[in-house]
Protein backbone atom coordinates (compact mmCIF):
# COMPACT_ATOMS: atom_id res chain seq x y z
CA UNK A 1 7.62 1.26 -7.45
CA UNK A 2 8.58 3.88 -4.91
CA UNK A 3 6.69 6.93 -3.75
CA UNK A 4 6.87 9.40 -0.88
CA UNK A 5 4.39 11.12 1.42
CA UNK A 6 4.76 13.89 3.96
CA UNK A 7 2.92 13.45 7.27
CA UNK A 8 0.99 16.67 7.92
CA UNK A 9 -1.16 17.84 10.87
CA UNK A 10 -4.40 16.65 9.24
CA UNK A 11 -2.99 13.09 9.23
CA UNK A 12 -2.47 12.92 13.01
CA UNK A 13 -4.48 11.13 15.68
CA UNK A 14 -5.40 12.47 19.11
CA UNK A 15 -1.91 11.53 20.40
CA UNK A 16 -0.18 13.68 17.78
CA UNK A 17 1.08 10.70 15.77
CA UNK A 18 0.13 9.46 12.29
CA UNK A 19 -3.40 7.98 12.35
CA UNK A 20 -3.17 4.27 11.51
CA UNK A 21 -6.18 4.42 9.23
CA UNK A 22 -4.47 7.07 7.10
CA UNK A 23 -1.37 4.88 6.76
CA UNK A 24 -3.54 1.92 5.69
CA UNK A 25 -5.28 4.15 3.12
CA UNK A 26 -1.90 5.10 1.63
CA UNK A 27 -0.70 1.48 1.64
CA UNK A 28 -3.84 0.35 -0.20
CA UNK A 29 -3.79 3.27 -2.65
CA UNK A 30 -0.11 2.99 -3.56
CA UNK A 31 -0.27 -0.80 -3.93
CA UNK A 32 -3.33 -0.36 -6.18
CA UNK A 33 -1.44 2.17 -8.30
CA UNK A 34 1.38 -0.34 -8.82
CA UNK A 35 -1.12 -3.08 -9.70
CA UNK A 36 -3.09 -0.82 -12.06
CA UNK A 37 0.13 0.01 -13.92
CA UNK A 38 1.00 -3.70 -14.21
CA UNK A 39 -2.52 -4.78 -15.25
CA UNK A 40 -4.10 -1.83 -17.10
CA UNK A 41 -6.71 -4.00 -18.84
CA UNK A 42 -8.18 -5.25 -15.54
CA UNK A 43 -10.55 -3.71 -13.04
CA UNK A 44 -8.81 -4.45 -9.73
CA UNK A 45 -10.28 -4.29 -6.23
CA UNK A 46 -8.68 -4.89 -2.86
CA UNK A 47 -9.30 -8.43 -1.62
CA UNK A 48 -7.17 -8.60 1.52
CA UNK A 49 -4.37 -7.16 3.61
CA UNK A 50 -1.97 -9.58 5.27
CA UNK A 51 -1.39 -8.21 8.75
CA UNK A 52 -1.51 -4.90 10.51
CA UNK A 53 1.10 -4.22 13.17
CA UNK A 54 1.92 -0.61 14.02
CA UNK A 55 5.39 -0.83 15.60
CA UNK A 56 6.26 2.87 15.86
CA UNK A 57 4.49 6.16 16.30
CA UNK A 58 5.18 8.41 13.32
CA UNK A 59 5.35 12.13 14.14
CA UNK A 60 4.19 15.12 12.14
CA UNK A 61 6.68 16.20 9.48
CA UNK A 62 7.96 12.69 8.78
CA UNK A 63 8.70 11.86 5.17
CA UNK A 64 7.52 8.33 4.45
CA UNK A 65 9.05 6.25 1.68
CA UNK A 66 6.80 3.52 0.29
CA UNK A 67 8.45 0.63 -1.53
CA UNK A 68 5.93 -1.50 -3.44
CA UNK A 69 6.75 -4.72 -5.28
CA UNK A 70 4.85 -7.64 -6.76
CA UNK A 71 5.02 -10.61 -4.42
CA UNK A 72 2.75 -13.25 -5.98
CA UNK A 73 0.57 -13.62 -9.05
CA UNK A 74 -2.33 -16.04 -9.39
CA UNK A 75 -4.94 -16.61 -12.08
CA UNK A 76 -7.36 -13.92 -10.88
CA UNK A 77 -5.39 -12.16 -8.14
CA UNK A 78 -2.06 -10.51 -7.47
CA UNK A 79 -0.32 -9.64 -4.19
CA UNK A 80 2.01 -6.70 -3.59
CA UNK A 81 4.34 -6.20 -0.65
CA UNK A 82 4.41 -2.67 0.72
CA UNK A 83 7.21 -1.51 3.01
CA UNK A 84 7.15 1.91 4.66
CA UNK A 85 10.36 3.58 5.81
CA UNK A 86 11.13 6.84 7.61
CA UNK A 87 13.67 8.53 9.83
CA UNK A 88 12.35 8.94 13.37
CA UNK A 89 13.94 11.67 15.49
CA UNK A 90 16.89 12.07 13.12
CA UNK A 91 17.96 8.43 13.31
CA UNK A 92 18.88 6.28 10.32
CA UNK A 93 15.98 5.40 8.03
CA UNK A 94 14.10 2.38 9.35
CA UNK A 95 11.22 0.12 8.39
CA UNK A 96 8.15 1.33 10.29
CA UNK A 97 5.39 -0.73 8.65
CA UNK A 98 4.96 -3.54 6.14
CA UNK A 99 1.99 -5.34 4.70
CA UNK A 100 0.90 -7.46 1.76
CA UNK A 101 -2.12 -6.31 -0.24
CA UNK A 102 -4.00 -8.69 -2.53
CA UNK A 103 -6.10 -7.46 -5.43
CA UNK A 104 -8.56 -9.46 -7.50
CA UNK A 105 -9.60 -8.78 -11.08
CA UNK A 106 -13.35 -8.46 -11.58
CA UNK A 107 -15.79 -7.83 -14.42
CA UNK A 108 -18.71 -5.38 -14.47
CA UNK A 109 -20.87 -7.83 -12.50
CA UNK A 110 -18.24 -8.14 -9.76
CA UNK A 111 -17.27 -11.69 -10.73
CA UNK A 112 -13.62 -12.74 -10.65
CA UNK A 113 -11.92 -12.86 -14.06
CA UNK A 114 -8.39 -13.84 -15.15
CA UNK A 115 -5.64 -11.25 -14.91
CA UNK A 116 -4.62 -9.77 -18.24
CA UNK A 117 -0.97 -8.75 -18.48
CA UNK A 118 0.01 -5.63 -20.43
CA UNK A 119 -3.46 -5.18 -21.92
CA UNK A 120 -3.28 -8.44 -23.92
């Protein structure tokens, strides 16, 4: 799955760059959207993020491209890789952030349950 986001002034930190917490929110949200589309019969919650390493400051007005793909599937959990790309200062598009997000399927009591593919 791919999606795009525009960095606007309300997304910036006190240094005038994209606030890291906002980027993590988008990474989690977009990975969850991909997982929810793949497993519509399950209630999925975020279990973990792999690593967080902000390599570049991302300025206002940047268009971010999020590429989300399934990385690993277990019995009760699934992991998606999220890569974030943008052009910084007119240069060629580059990878500015990547992470793996793991979701677990739960029931109404919050107990892990097996993943159900395609509603079956």
